[in-house]
Amino acid sequence: MPDERERDTRGQYAEETTDEDILTTIRESEFPAVTARWVADTLGIERPSAHRRLEKLHEDGEVKRGKLSPRVVIWWIPNE
């Protein structure tokens, strides 16, 4: 069965999850901070995609991040 997702101008699959979807998911979380794995599982996207999107949101100042260990990064929205 062919994949019928839309592709962008470079032929890559277009993102279906928006930055606002990610921010809303974090805001509505019962936790003060979340992991990329949690975001991915909650939104039904791949963990590398969630991590990449969270990194971009961090660069844009939308989320903060902290390392709990070399392998565990947490993300949160600064006080609005």
Protein backbone atom coordinates (compact mmCIF):
# COMPACT_ATOMS: atom_id res chain seq x y z
CA MET A 1 0.00 0.00 0.00
CA PRO A 2 1.61 3.32 -1.05
CA ASP A 3 2.22 6.05 1.51
CA GLU A 4 -0.11 8.92 0.64
CA ARG A 5 1.36 11.58 2.93
CA GLU A 6 2.10 14.90 1.28
CA ARG A 7 5.67 15.71 0.27
CA ASP A 8 7.37 19.09 0.36
CA THR A 9 9.19 20.72 -2.56
CA ARG A 10 12.31 18.60 -1.91
CA GLY A 11 10.31 15.35 -1.98
CA GLN A 12 10.51 14.92 1.80
CA TYR A 13 7.38 14.02 3.71
CA ALA A 14 5.71 17.20 4.90
CA GLU A 15 5.43 17.64 8.65
CA GLU A 16 1.94 16.92 9.90
CA THR A 17 2.61 17.91 13.51
CA THR A 18 2.96 21.65 13.99
CA ASP A 19 5.15 23.49 16.48
CA GLU A 20 1.94 24.63 18.16
CA ASP A 21 0.88 20.97 18.54
CA ILE A 22 4.15 20.29 20.35
CA LEU A 23 3.86 23.37 22.58
CA THR A 24 0.23 22.59 23.43
CA THR A 25 1.15 19.02 24.32
CA ILE A 26 3.87 20.25 26.69
CA ARG A 27 1.53 22.87 28.23
CA GLU A 28 -1.18 20.27 28.83
CA SER A 29 1.22 17.72 30.32
CA GLU A 30 0.80 16.80 33.96
CA PHE A 31 4.59 17.06 34.26
CA PRO A 32 6.62 20.27 34.63
CA ALA A 33 9.11 19.00 32.02
CA VAL A 34 9.00 16.28 29.37
CA THR A 35 11.36 14.19 27.25
CA ALA A 36 11.49 13.94 23.46
CA ARG A 37 10.37 10.31 23.83
CA TRP A 38 7.29 11.44 25.78
CA VAL A 39 6.46 14.08 23.15
CA ALA A 40 6.94 11.53 20.37
CA ASP A 41 4.76 8.92 22.05
CA THR A 42 2.05 11.44 22.92
CA LEU A 43 1.88 12.87 19.39
CA GLY A 44 2.52 9.62 17.52
CA ILE A 45 5.70 10.82 15.80
CA GLU A 46 9.22 9.39 15.68
CA ARG A 47 11.56 10.28 18.57
CA PRO A 48 14.27 11.76 16.31
CA SER A 49 11.66 14.04 14.75
CA ALA A 50 10.43 15.14 18.17
CA HIS A 51 14.00 15.81 19.29
CA ARG A 52 14.80 17.80 16.15
CA ARG A 53 11.62 19.87 16.53
CA LEU A 54 12.31 20.51 20.23
CA GLU A 55 15.86 21.65 19.36
CA LYS A 56 14.41 24.14 16.85
CA LEU A 57 11.88 25.39 19.40
CA HIS A 58 14.77 25.80 21.85
CA GLU A 59 16.76 27.82 19.29
CA ASP A 60 13.68 30.00 18.78
CA GLY A 61 13.36 30.57 22.55
CA GLU A 62 10.03 28.76 22.82
CA VAL A 63 11.25 25.99 25.16
CA LYS A 64 14.09 25.53 27.63
CA ARG A 65 16.11 22.36 28.06
CA GLY A 66 18.20 20.72 30.71
CA LYS A 67 20.28 17.56 30.93
CA LEU A 68 19.55 15.14 33.75
CA SER A 69 22.33 12.85 32.53
CA PRO A 70 24.38 12.49 29.33
CA ARG A 71 21.46 10.61 27.75
CA VAL A 72 18.43 12.27 29.33
CA VAL A 73 17.32 15.74 28.19
CA ILE A 74 14.18 17.39 29.53
CA TRP A 75 12.22 20.20 27.90
CA TRP A 76 9.83 22.77 29.39
CA ILE A 77 8.11 25.99 28.46
CA PRO A 78 9.46 28.98 30.38
CA ASN A 79 6.99 30.91 32.49
CA GLU A 80 4.66 32.67 30.13
